Protein backbone atom coordinates (compact mmCIF):
# COMPACT_ATOMS: atom_id res chain seq x y z
CA MET A 1 39.73 -41.88 72.77
CA ILE A 2 36.03 -42.56 72.16
CA ASP A 3 34.78 -45.99 73.12
CA ASP A 4 32.95 -47.21 70.02
CA ARG A 5 30.80 -49.45 72.19
CA ALA A 6 29.01 -46.31 73.35
CA LEU A 7 27.96 -45.63 69.76
CA ARG A 8 26.39 -49.03 69.26
CA PRO A 9 22.63 -49.28 69.83
CA SER A 10 21.66 -51.57 72.64
CA MET A 11 19.98 -54.87 71.93
CA GLU A 12 16.97 -53.62 73.86
CA SER A 13 16.65 -50.62 71.52
CA ILE A 14 16.94 -52.79 68.40
CA CYS A 15 14.37 -55.26 69.73
CA SER A 16 12.01 -52.42 70.64
CA LYS A 17 12.21 -50.94 67.13
CA SER A 18 11.70 -54.38 65.59
CA ASP A 19 8.64 -54.96 67.76
CA ASN A 20 7.19 -51.59 66.71
CA LEU A 21 7.76 -52.42 63.04
CA ILE A 22 6.08 -55.81 63.43
CA LEU A 23 3.09 -54.21 65.21
CA THR A 24 2.76 -51.61 62.44
CA LEU A 25 2.88 -54.24 59.67
CA GLN A 26 0.39 -56.37 61.59
CA SER A 27 -1.98 -53.41 61.95
CA LEU A 28 -1.80 -52.69 58.22
CA PHE A 29 -2.48 -56.35 57.45
CA ASN A 30 -5.48 -56.30 59.83
CA ALA A 31 -6.75 -53.12 58.14
CA ILE A 32 -6.60 -54.68 54.68
CA THR A 33 -8.22 -57.87 56.01
CA THR A 34 -11.07 -55.85 57.55
CA MET A 35 -11.52 -53.96 54.28
CA ILE A 36 -11.81 -57.16 52.29
CA LYS A 37 -14.16 -58.84 54.77
CA HIS A 38 -16.51 -55.94 55.38
CA LYS A 39 -17.46 -52.60 53.85
CA PHE A 40 -14.69 -52.30 51.31
CA PHE A 41 -14.95 -55.77 49.81
CA THR A 42 -16.86 -54.63 46.69
CA PRO A 43 -14.73 -51.52 45.97
CA PHE A 44 -11.56 -53.56 46.56
CA VAL A 45 -12.56 -56.26 44.07
CA ALA A 46 -13.81 -53.64 41.58
CA PHE A 47 -10.50 -51.78 41.83
CA ILE A 48 -8.43 -54.89 41.10
CA MET A 49 -10.71 -56.05 38.26
CA ILE A 50 -10.74 -52.66 36.55
CA LEU A 51 -6.98 -52.20 36.73
CA LEU A 52 -6.28 -55.70 35.45
CA THR A 53 -8.60 -55.45 32.47
CA VAL A 54 -8.40 -51.86 31.21
CA PRO A 55 -6.31 -51.25 28.06
CA GLU A 56 -2.77 -49.94 28.42
CA PHE A 57 -1.49 -46.54 27.33
CA ALA A 58 1.10 -46.19 24.66
CA ARG A 59 4.31 -46.36 26.68
CA ALA A 60 5.44 -42.73 26.24
CA GLU A 61 1.98 -41.28 26.89
CA GLY A 62 1.44 -43.45 29.95
CA ASP A 63 4.85 -42.57 31.41
CA ASP A 64 4.24 -38.83 30.88
CA LEU A 65 0.86 -38.93 32.61
CA ARG A 66 2.20 -41.05 35.45
CA SER A 67 4.97 -38.51 36.03
CA ALA A 68 2.43 -35.67 36.00
CA VAL A 69 0.10 -37.24 38.56
CA GLN A 70 3.07 -37.85 40.87
CA ASN A 71 3.75 -34.09 40.91
CA PRO A 72 1.25 -32.16 43.10
CA ILE A 73 2.00 -28.92 41.20
CA SER A 74 2.22 -30.18 37.61
CA SER A 75 0.49 -28.31 34.76
CA LEU A 76 -2.10 -31.10 34.51
CA ILE A 77 -5.77 -30.31 35.14
CA SER A 78 -7.31 -33.10 37.19
CA LEU A 79 -10.34 -33.96 39.30
CA PRO A 80 -9.59 -36.52 42.04
CA PHE A 81 -12.23 -38.20 44.19
CA ARG A 82 -10.53 -39.55 47.31
CA LEU A 83 -12.63 -41.86 49.48
CA THR A 84 -11.28 -42.59 52.97
CA TYR A 85 -12.67 -45.05 55.49
CA ASP A 86 -11.50 -44.33 59.07
CA SER A 87 -11.83 -47.08 61.67
CA GLY A 88 -10.93 -47.52 65.32
CA ALA A 89 -11.87 -44.06 66.62
CA SER A 90 -13.44 -43.98 70.08
CA ASN A 91 -16.59 -42.37 68.63
CA GLY A 92 -16.97 -44.90 65.84
CA ASP A 93 -16.10 -45.05 62.16
CA GLY A 94 -16.15 -42.40 59.48
CA THR A 95 -16.28 -42.22 55.69
CA ILE A 96 -14.95 -39.08 54.00
CA LEU A 97 -15.08 -38.24 50.30
CA ASN A 98 -12.60 -35.50 49.40
CA ILE A 99 -13.25 -33.85 46.04
CA GLN A 100 -9.92 -32.24 45.11
CA PRO A 101 -9.94 -30.27 41.82
CA VAL A 102 -6.54 -29.07 40.56
CA VAL A 103 -6.49 -26.22 38.02
CA PRO A 104 -3.10 -24.81 36.97
CA VAL A 105 -2.88 -21.41 35.22
CA ASN A 106 0.20 -20.17 33.38
CA ILE A 107 1.32 -16.61 34.19
CA GLY A 108 4.41 -15.88 32.11
CA GLU A 109 7.35 -17.72 33.64
CA TRP A 110 5.24 -19.00 36.53
CA ASN A 111 2.48 -21.51 37.02
CA LEU A 112 -0.27 -20.78 39.52
CA VAL A 113 -1.59 -24.15 40.66
CA ASN A 114 -5.02 -23.89 42.32
CA ARG A 115 -5.94 -26.80 44.57
CA ALA A 116 -9.12 -27.25 46.60
CA ILE A 117 -10.21 -29.92 49.08
CA ILE A 118 -13.99 -30.25 49.41
CA PRO A 119 -14.86 -32.91 52.02
CA VAL A 120 -18.21 -34.68 52.26
CA ALA A 121 -18.36 -36.90 55.34
CA ASN A 122 -20.49 -39.40 57.20
CA VAL A 123 -19.24 -40.05 60.75
CA ASP A 124 -20.56 -41.92 63.78
CA GLY A 125 -19.28 -39.12 66.03
CA ALA A 126 -16.72 -36.34 66.23
CA ILE A 127 -13.45 -37.77 64.83
CA PRO A 128 -10.27 -35.63 64.82
CA GLY A 129 -8.31 -35.74 61.59
CA PRO A 130 -6.01 -33.77 59.22
CA ASN A 131 -8.90 -31.67 57.86
CA ASN A 132 -10.67 -31.36 61.21
CA PRO A 133 -8.26 -30.94 64.16
CA ASN A 134 -10.87 -29.66 66.64
CA PRO A 135 -14.26 -31.26 66.00
CA LYS A 136 -17.06 -30.43 68.39
CA PRO A 137 -18.26 -33.45 70.42
CA GLY A 138 -21.56 -34.84 69.28
CA GLY A 139 -23.40 -37.75 67.73
CA SER A 140 -23.43 -38.99 64.17
CA ALA A 141 -23.34 -36.44 61.37
CA SER A 142 -23.36 -36.28 57.58
CA GLY A 143 -22.70 -33.44 55.20
CA LEU A 144 -20.15 -30.95 54.00
CA GLY A 145 -16.90 -30.36 55.91
CA ASP A 146 -14.55 -27.37 55.95
CA ILE A 147 -13.27 -26.48 52.47
CA ASN A 148 -9.56 -25.78 51.98
CA TYR A 149 -8.08 -23.75 49.13
CA SER A 150 -4.34 -23.58 48.40
CA ALA A 151 -2.45 -21.76 45.65
CA TYR A 152 1.09 -22.68 44.61
CA PHE A 153 3.35 -20.36 42.63
CA SER A 154 5.83 -22.56 40.80
CA PRO A 155 8.45 -21.60 38.18
CA VAL A 156 7.90 -23.02 34.71
CA LYS A 157 11.64 -23.68 34.36
CA TYR A 158 13.47 -25.60 37.06
CA ASN A 159 16.64 -27.62 37.56
CA LYS A 160 16.63 -30.80 39.62
CA VAL A 161 14.06 -29.75 42.22
CA ILE A 162 10.47 -28.81 41.38
CA TRP A 163 9.01 -26.46 43.96
CA GLY A 164 6.03 -24.26 44.68
CA VAL A 165 4.84 -22.06 47.54
CA GLY A 166 1.79 -19.97 48.32
CA PRO A 167 -1.15 -19.24 50.64
CA SER A 168 -3.67 -21.67 52.07
CA ILE A 169 -7.04 -20.95 53.65
CA ASN A 170 -9.59 -23.09 55.48
CA MET A 171 -13.23 -21.96 55.36
CA PRO A 172 -15.81 -22.90 58.04
CA THR A 173 -18.25 -24.43 55.57
CA ALA A 174 -19.15 -27.53 57.61
CA SER A 175 -22.86 -28.29 57.74
CA GLU A 176 -22.48 -29.91 61.19
CA ASP A 177 -20.23 -28.95 64.12
CA GLN A 178 -18.73 -32.46 64.21
CA LEU A 179 -17.49 -32.04 60.63
CA GLY A 180 -15.50 -28.82 60.96
CA SER A 181 -13.54 -26.43 63.16
CA GLY A 182 -15.97 -23.50 63.07
CA LYS A 183 -13.00 -21.24 62.33
CA TRP A 184 -11.49 -19.29 59.45
CA SER A 185 -7.85 -20.36 59.21
CA ALA A 186 -5.03 -19.24 56.94
CA GLY A 187 -1.32 -19.78 56.50
CA ILE A 188 1.35 -20.89 54.09
CA THR A 189 1.89 -24.05 52.08
CA GLY A 190 4.77 -25.35 49.98
CA VAL A 191 5.97 -28.42 48.13
CA ALA A 192 9.31 -29.64 46.80
CA LEU A 193 10.02 -32.81 44.85
CA SER A 194 12.53 -34.53 42.64
CA ALA A 195 11.38 -36.50 39.57
CA GLN A 196 13.54 -39.48 38.56
CA LYS A 197 13.25 -42.23 35.96
CA TRP A 198 12.25 -44.67 38.70
CA GLY A 199 9.56 -42.37 40.11
CA SER A 200 9.51 -39.33 42.37
CA MET A 201 9.97 -38.27 45.97
CA GLY A 202 9.18 -35.09 47.85
CA VAL A 203 7.38 -33.41 50.69
CA LEU A 204 4.41 -31.05 51.00
CA GLY A 205 3.99 -28.83 54.04
CA ARG A 206 1.31 -26.50 55.38
CA GLN A 207 0.78 -24.35 58.47
CA LEU A 208 -2.64 -22.94 59.40
CA TRP A 209 -3.67 -20.51 62.14
CA SER A 210 -7.26 -19.48 62.91
CA PHE A 211 -8.06 -15.76 62.75
CA ALA A 212 -11.87 -15.56 62.94
CA GLY A 213 -14.97 -17.67 63.44
CA ASP A 214 -17.07 -19.10 66.25
CA SER A 215 -15.72 -17.72 69.54
CA ASP A 216 -17.01 -20.81 71.37
CA ARG A 217 -14.79 -23.13 69.32
CA GLY A 218 -11.11 -23.89 69.95
CA ASP A 219 -8.41 -22.10 67.99
CA VAL A 220 -6.65 -23.80 65.07
CA ASP A 221 -2.85 -24.04 65.02
CA GLN A 222 -2.02 -27.01 62.80
CA THR A 223 1.07 -28.20 60.92
CA LEU A 224 0.79 -30.68 58.06
CA ILE A 225 3.87 -32.57 56.80
CA GLN A 226 3.19 -34.86 53.85
CA PRO A 227 6.16 -36.89 52.59
CA PHE A 228 5.49 -38.89 49.43
CA LEU A 229 7.33 -41.47 47.37
CA ASN A 230 6.34 -43.10 44.06
CA TYR A 231 8.12 -46.09 42.54
CA ASN A 232 7.25 -46.93 38.94
CA LEU A 233 6.49 -50.45 37.73
CA GLU A 234 5.67 -51.90 34.31
CA ASN A 235 2.44 -51.19 32.38
CA SER A 236 1.79 -47.83 34.11
CA TRP A 237 1.56 -49.37 37.60
CA PHE A 238 3.30 -47.74 40.55
CA LEU A 239 3.84 -48.16 44.27
CA ILE A 240 3.10 -45.18 46.50
CA THR A 241 3.32 -43.91 50.03
CA ASP A 242 1.65 -40.55 50.72
CA MET A 243 1.53 -40.02 54.49
CA SER A 244 -0.19 -36.99 56.04
CA TRP A 245 1.49 -36.24 59.38
CA THR A 246 -0.21 -33.51 61.42
CA ALA A 247 0.51 -31.65 64.64
CA ASN A 248 -2.27 -29.89 66.56
CA TRP A 249 -0.34 -27.32 68.60
CA GLU A 250 -3.46 -26.41 70.62
CA ALA A 251 -3.54 -29.93 72.11
CA ASP A 252 -1.41 -31.19 74.97
CA SER A 253 1.84 -32.96 74.11
CA ASN A 254 0.32 -36.44 74.48
CA ASN A 255 -2.41 -35.67 71.95
CA ARG A 256 -0.56 -33.49 69.48
CA TRP A 257 0.68 -35.69 66.65
CA THR A 258 -1.06 -37.95 64.14
CA VAL A 259 1.53 -40.03 62.28
CA PRO A 260 0.17 -42.57 59.76
CA VAL A 261 2.51 -45.07 58.11
CA GLY A 262 1.71 -47.27 55.13
CA GLY A 263 1.29 -47.14 51.38
CA GLY A 264 -0.40 -48.72 48.41
CA VAL A 265 -0.52 -49.33 44.68
CA GLY A 266 -1.92 -47.45 41.70
CA ARG A 267 -2.16 -47.37 37.94
CA VAL A 268 -2.73 -44.86 35.16
CA PHE A 269 -5.12 -46.10 32.47
CA LYS A 270 -7.90 -45.12 30.10
CA ILE A 271 -11.62 -45.74 30.00
CA GLY A 272 -12.57 -44.88 26.45
CA ASN A 273 -10.75 -41.62 25.77
CA GLN A 274 -10.72 -40.56 29.42
CA ALA A 275 -7.39 -40.81 31.23
CA ILE A 276 -7.68 -42.06 34.83
CA ASN A 277 -5.32 -42.39 37.77
CA SER A 278 -6.45 -44.75 40.52
CA ARG A 279 -4.86 -45.71 43.84
CA LEU A 280 -5.62 -48.00 46.76
CA GLU A 281 -3.79 -47.36 50.04
CA ALA A 282 -3.80 -48.45 53.69
CA TYR A 283 -2.33 -46.51 56.63
CA HIS A 284 -1.93 -47.26 60.33
CA ASN A 285 -1.70 -44.38 62.82
CA ALA A 286 1.53 -45.20 64.64
CA GLU A 287 1.04 -42.05 66.74
CA LYS A 288 -2.36 -40.45 67.30
CA PRO A 289 -4.34 -38.28 69.71
CA GLU A 290 -6.94 -39.76 72.00
CA GLY A 291 -10.11 -40.62 70.09
CA ALA A 292 -8.49 -40.64 66.61
CA PRO A 293 -8.84 -43.63 64.22
CA ASP A 294 -6.44 -46.57 64.38
CA TYR A 295 -6.18 -46.89 60.60
CA ASN A 296 -7.67 -45.77 57.33
CA ILE A 297 -8.21 -47.23 53.88
CA THR A 298 -8.14 -44.80 50.95
CA PHE A 299 -9.37 -45.27 47.40
CA THR A 300 -8.66 -42.55 44.80
CA PHE A 301 -10.25 -42.19 41.37
CA GLN A 302 -8.73 -39.22 39.54
CA PHE A 303 -9.89 -37.87 36.16
CA LEU A 304 -6.98 -36.48 34.13
CA PHE A 305 -7.26 -33.80 31.44
CA PRO A 306 -3.91 -33.53 29.63
CA LYS A 307 -3.35 -30.72 27.17
CA LYS A 308 -4.01 -31.70 23.58
């Protein structure tokens, strides 16, 4: 007979998990407080004021667009500008603007969804991150980072699960060594999600290996796991968590994983005739390599171009 007491978690384990949760929530609160007090005060206020005052969509149109922006491989053309402020890294802070155009193309019974990430960064020093696992040590730098291109082949018709898979390539386009890996990297990427009336949930994954580039730079062997969850509210508002977990397999085991936790809020709205999706999020790195940021604040302003 199995003693069920052996299956019960110890009080020490429960207390430890509770303490970790409290520390994580406290870190997120501190991040938001810092944002409001310092550099992000103006964008934060502007974000809230815009979203509270812009006119609402007609309900059906707003719900359709909200569902589309929650699907990374939808047939919606869009142009997101994603501004991230990293803080707490040993080499200082960093601000990264990711320009992320999404252009789907229909090919018979398939959609080919083209996605690019074009980073423009300003950093106080070399800061490791999802788009730059092996930065070269150095001082402050500003300019273009490594550009990533991914293509997803996704069936037009699907049942309960929407999915897509395809190649991904990283190009050594960084204008400064601190802003890129110096390597050509390629691999596979895929996404799967389920859309519900209340929102959507899914996961995006990617694996990259370097195959060419600067022989003096470290190799790239990186896994990205990006779980996401959207919960719809009234008037085209929604809650979101969109966490980018990465593993740098070239690093030692103590410096391999970056695991942010957190979330935020967003809304789909119009400015004139232009449809917009905007989000404000905060994430704390519960696990991180040495020298990586403690937290980041992200603001997204996404232009949407629905089919007429």
